[in-house]
Amino acid sequence: MTGKTEQTAATAEALGYEQARDELIEVVRRLEAGGTTLEESLALWERGEELAGVCRRWLEGARARLDAALAREAGAETAEEG
């Protein structure tokens, strides 16, 4: 990765879910609107991929937390019944 690419990826990782989602929506809107050069389109696509990855990691983390909470709840109910 180049220095600029590493900086962009690090910036993306620092975003919260809602921020990454909103920026991703904007990236998609700009790509769909067209009128950008090939280089600009590629840069937008790469940014979109980074942002999608951030959103995916946030959602996977939320799913893991939810699964853990449900497992704890199920364990507590089982202990009460036993």
N, C-alpha and C. Protein backbone atom coordinates (compact mmCIF):
# COMPACT_ATOMS: atom_id res chain seq x y z
N MET A 1 0.83 -1.18 0.00
CA MET A 1 0.00 0.00 0.00
C MET A 1 0.87 1.24 0.00
N THR A 2 0.40 2.28 -0.65
CA THR A 2 1.12 3.53 -0.62
C THR A 2 0.78 4.27 0.65
N GLY A 3 1.55 5.31 0.94
CA GLY A 3 1.29 6.08 2.15
C GLY A 3 -0.10 6.67 2.17
N LYS A 4 -0.54 7.22 1.03
CA LYS A 4 -1.87 7.83 0.95
C LYS A 4 -2.96 6.77 1.14
N THR A 5 -2.78 5.61 0.53
CA THR A 5 -3.76 4.53 0.66
C THR A 5 -3.83 4.05 2.10
N GLU A 6 -2.69 3.92 2.76
CA GLU A 6 -2.66 3.50 4.17
C GLU A 6 -3.37 4.53 5.04
N GLN A 7 -3.13 5.82 4.75
CA GLN A 7 -3.78 6.88 5.53
C GLN A 7 -5.29 6.84 5.33
N THR A 8 -5.73 6.65 4.10
CA THR A 8 -7.16 6.58 3.81
C THR A 8 -7.79 5.39 4.51
N ALA A 9 -7.13 4.23 4.48
CA ALA A 9 -7.65 3.04 5.14
C ALA A 9 -7.72 3.25 6.65
N ALA A 10 -6.70 3.88 7.22
CA ALA A 10 -6.71 4.14 8.66
C ALA A 10 -7.84 5.09 9.02
N THR A 11 -8.08 6.09 8.18
CA THR A 11 -9.17 7.01 8.41
C THR A 11 -10.50 6.29 8.36
N ALA A 12 -10.66 5.40 7.40
CA ALA A 12 -11.90 4.63 7.29
C ALA A 12 -12.12 3.79 8.53
N GLU A 13 -11.08 3.17 9.05
CA GLU A 13 -11.20 2.31 10.23
C GLU A 13 -11.64 3.11 11.45
N ALA A 14 -11.32 4.40 11.50
CA ALA A 14 -11.67 5.23 12.65
C ALA A 14 -13.13 5.67 12.62
N LEU A 15 -13.82 5.46 11.52
CA LEU A 15 -15.20 5.89 11.39
C LEU A 15 -16.15 4.98 12.15
N GLY A 16 -17.20 5.57 12.66
CA GLY A 16 -18.29 4.79 13.23
C GLY A 16 -19.13 4.21 12.10
N TYR A 17 -20.03 3.32 12.44
CA TYR A 17 -20.86 2.68 11.42
C TYR A 17 -21.66 3.70 10.62
N GLU A 18 -22.36 4.60 11.31
CA GLU A 18 -23.22 5.55 10.61
C GLU A 18 -22.42 6.47 9.70
N GLN A 19 -21.24 6.90 10.16
CA GLN A 19 -20.40 7.75 9.33
C GLN A 19 -19.95 7.01 8.07
N ALA A 20 -19.50 5.78 8.25
CA ALA A 20 -19.04 4.99 7.10
C ALA A 20 -20.19 4.72 6.14
N ARG A 21 -21.35 4.40 6.67
CA ARG A 21 -22.52 4.15 5.83
C ARG A 21 -22.91 5.39 5.03
N ASP A 22 -22.93 6.54 5.70
CA ASP A 22 -23.32 7.77 5.01
C ASP A 22 -22.32 8.14 3.92
N GLU A 23 -21.03 7.98 4.21
CA GLU A 23 -20.03 8.26 3.19
C GLU A 23 -20.13 7.26 2.03
N LEU A 24 -20.41 6.00 2.35
CA LEU A 24 -20.57 4.99 1.31
C LEU A 24 -21.76 5.34 0.40
N ILE A 25 -22.84 5.81 0.98
CA ILE A 25 -24.00 6.23 0.19
C ILE A 25 -23.60 7.34 -0.77
N GLU A 26 -22.82 8.28 -0.29
CA GLU A 26 -22.36 9.39 -1.13
C GLU A 26 -21.45 8.89 -2.25
N VAL A 27 -20.56 7.96 -1.94
CA VAL A 27 -19.67 7.39 -2.96
C VAL A 27 -20.50 6.72 -4.05
N VAL A 28 -21.47 5.92 -3.66
CA VAL A 28 -22.32 5.23 -4.63
C VAL A 28 -23.09 6.24 -5.48
N ARG A 29 -23.62 7.28 -4.84
CA ARG A 29 -24.35 8.31 -5.57
C ARG A 29 -23.46 8.96 -6.64
N ARG A 30 -22.22 9.27 -6.26
CA ARG A 30 -21.30 9.91 -7.21
C ARG A 30 -20.93 8.97 -8.35
N LEU A 31 -20.74 7.69 -8.03
CA LEU A 31 -20.43 6.72 -9.09
C LEU A 31 -21.61 6.56 -10.04
N GLU A 32 -22.80 6.47 -9.49
CA GLU A 32 -23.98 6.30 -10.33
C GLU A 32 -24.27 7.53 -11.19
N ALA A 33 -23.92 8.71 -10.68
CA ALA A 33 -24.16 9.95 -11.42
C ALA A 33 -23.25 10.06 -12.64
N GLY A 34 -22.10 9.40 -12.57
CA GLY A 34 -21.17 9.46 -13.70
C GLY A 34 -20.49 10.82 -13.78
N GLY A 35 -19.87 11.08 -14.93
CA GLY A 35 -19.22 12.35 -15.14
C GLY A 35 -17.86 12.47 -14.49
N THR A 36 -17.32 11.38 -13.99
CA THR A 36 -15.99 11.41 -13.39
C THR A 36 -15.01 10.73 -14.34
N THR A 37 -13.75 11.08 -14.17
CA THR A 37 -12.73 10.43 -14.99
C THR A 37 -12.54 9.00 -14.51
N LEU A 38 -11.85 8.22 -15.31
CA LEU A 38 -11.57 6.84 -14.92
C LEU A 38 -10.80 6.81 -13.61
N GLU A 39 -9.80 7.68 -13.47
CA GLU A 39 -9.00 7.73 -12.25
C GLU A 39 -9.86 8.08 -11.03
N GLU A 40 -10.75 9.06 -11.19
CA GLU A 40 -11.65 9.44 -10.10
C GLU A 40 -12.60 8.30 -9.75
N SER A 41 -13.12 7.64 -10.77
CA SER A 41 -14.03 6.51 -10.55
C SER A 41 -13.34 5.38 -9.80
N LEU A 42 -12.10 5.09 -10.18
CA LEU A 42 -11.35 4.04 -9.48
C LEU A 42 -11.10 4.42 -8.02
N ALA A 43 -10.76 5.68 -7.79
CA ALA A 43 -10.53 6.14 -6.42
C ALA A 43 -11.81 6.04 -5.60
N LEU A 44 -12.93 6.42 -6.20
CA LEU A 44 -14.21 6.30 -5.51
C LEU A 44 -14.55 4.84 -5.21
N TRP A 45 -14.31 3.98 -6.19
CA TRP A 45 -14.58 2.55 -6.00
C TRP A 45 -13.74 1.99 -4.83
N GLU A 46 -12.46 2.34 -4.82
CA GLU A 46 -11.58 1.86 -3.74
C GLU A 46 -12.06 2.37 -2.39
N ARG A 47 -12.46 3.63 -2.32
CA ARG A 47 -12.96 4.18 -1.07
C ARG A 47 -14.24 3.45 -0.66
N GLY A 48 -15.10 3.19 -1.63
CA GLY A 48 -16.33 2.47 -1.35
C GLY A 48 -16.06 1.08 -0.78
N GLU A 49 -15.06 0.40 -1.33
CA GLU A 49 -14.68 -0.93 -0.82
C GLU A 49 -14.21 -0.83 0.63
N GLU A 50 -13.40 0.20 0.93
CA GLU A 50 -12.93 0.39 2.31
C GLU A 50 -14.09 0.64 3.25
N LEU A 51 -14.99 1.51 2.82
CA LEU A 51 -16.14 1.85 3.66
C LEU A 51 -17.07 0.66 3.85
N ALA A 52 -17.27 -0.12 2.80
CA ALA A 52 -18.10 -1.33 2.92
C ALA A 52 -17.48 -2.30 3.92
N GLY A 53 -16.15 -2.40 3.90
CA GLY A 53 -15.47 -3.27 4.86
C GLY A 53 -15.65 -2.79 6.29
N VAL A 54 -15.59 -1.49 6.49
CA VAL A 54 -15.81 -0.92 7.82
C VAL A 54 -17.22 -1.26 8.29
N CYS A 55 -18.20 -1.03 7.42
CA CYS A 55 -19.60 -1.34 7.78
C CYS A 55 -19.77 -2.82 8.10
N ARG A 56 -19.16 -3.67 7.28
CA ARG A 56 -19.26 -5.12 7.50
C ARG A 56 -18.67 -5.50 8.86
N ARG A 57 -17.51 -4.94 9.20
CA ARG A 57 -16.88 -5.26 10.50
C ARG A 57 -17.74 -4.78 11.67
N TRP A 58 -18.33 -3.59 11.54
CA TRP A 58 -19.23 -3.10 12.59
C TRP A 58 -20.42 -4.04 12.76
N LEU A 59 -21.01 -4.45 11.66
CA LEU A 59 -22.18 -5.33 11.72
C LEU A 59 -21.82 -6.71 12.26
N GLU A 60 -20.66 -7.23 11.87
CA GLU A 60 -20.22 -8.53 12.40
C GLU A 60 -19.98 -8.43 13.90
N GLY A 61 -19.40 -7.32 14.34
CA GLY A 61 -19.17 -7.11 15.77
C GLY A 61 -20.48 -7.02 16.54
N ALA A 62 -21.44 -6.32 15.95
CA ALA A 62 -22.75 -6.21 16.59
C ALA A 62 -23.42 -7.57 16.67
N ARG A 63 -23.30 -8.37 15.60
CA ARG A 63 -23.88 -9.71 15.60
C ARG A 63 -23.23 -10.58 16.68
N ALA A 64 -21.92 -10.49 16.81
CA ALA A 64 -21.23 -11.28 17.83
C ALA A 64 -21.68 -10.88 19.23
N ARG A 65 -21.83 -9.58 19.46
CA ARG A 65 -22.29 -9.12 20.77
C ARG A 65 -23.71 -9.60 21.06
N LEU A 66 -24.56 -9.53 20.05
CA LEU A 66 -25.94 -10.00 20.21
C LEU A 66 -25.98 -11.49 20.48
N ASP A 67 -25.20 -12.26 19.72
CA ASP A 67 -25.15 -13.71 19.94
C ASP A 67 -24.66 -14.04 21.35
N ALA A 68 -23.63 -13.29 21.81
CA ALA A 68 -23.10 -13.53 23.16
C ALA A 68 -24.16 -13.21 24.22
N ALA A 69 -24.88 -12.11 24.04
CA ALA A 69 -25.92 -11.75 25.00
C ALA A 69 -27.04 -12.79 25.02
N LEU A 70 -27.42 -13.27 23.85
CA LEU A 70 -28.46 -14.30 23.78
C LEU A 70 -27.99 -15.59 24.42
N ALA A 71 -26.73 -15.93 24.23
CA ALA A 71 -26.19 -17.15 24.84
C ALA A 71 -26.16 -17.02 26.36
N ARG A 72 -25.78 -15.84 26.85
CA ARG A 72 -25.77 -15.63 28.31
C ARG A 72 -27.18 -15.74 28.86
N GLU A 73 -28.14 -15.16 28.16
CA GLU A 73 -29.53 -15.20 28.60
C GLU A 73 -30.04 -16.65 28.62
N ALA A 74 -29.72 -17.38 27.56
CA ALA A 74 -30.15 -18.79 27.50
C ALA A 74 -29.49 -19.59 28.63
N GLY A 75 -28.22 -19.31 28.91
CA GLY A 75 -27.53 -19.99 29.99
C GLY A 75 -28.13 -19.68 31.35
N ALA A 76 -28.53 -18.42 31.55
CA ALA A 76 -29.14 -18.03 32.81
C ALA A 76 -30.50 -18.70 32.98
N GLU A 77 -31.27 -18.80 31.91
CA GLU A 77 -32.57 -19.47 31.99
C GLU A 77 -32.41 -20.94 32.28
N THR A 78 -31.41 -21.57 31.67
CA THR A 78 -31.15 -22.99 31.90
C THR A 78 -30.74 -23.22 33.36
N ALA A 79 -29.90 -22.32 33.91
CA ALA A 79 -29.45 -22.45 35.29
C ALA A 79 -30.63 -22.29 36.26
N GLU A 80 -31.55 -21.39 35.95
CA GLU A 80 -32.72 -21.18 36.81
C GLU A 80 -33.63 -22.40 36.80
N GLU A 81 -33.73 -23.06 35.66
CA GLU A 81 -34.61 -24.22 35.52
C GLU A 81 -34.01 -25.45 36.21
N GLY A 82 -32.66 -25.48 36.27
CA GLY A 82 -31.98 -26.67 36.78
C GLY A 82 -31.92 -26.74 38.22
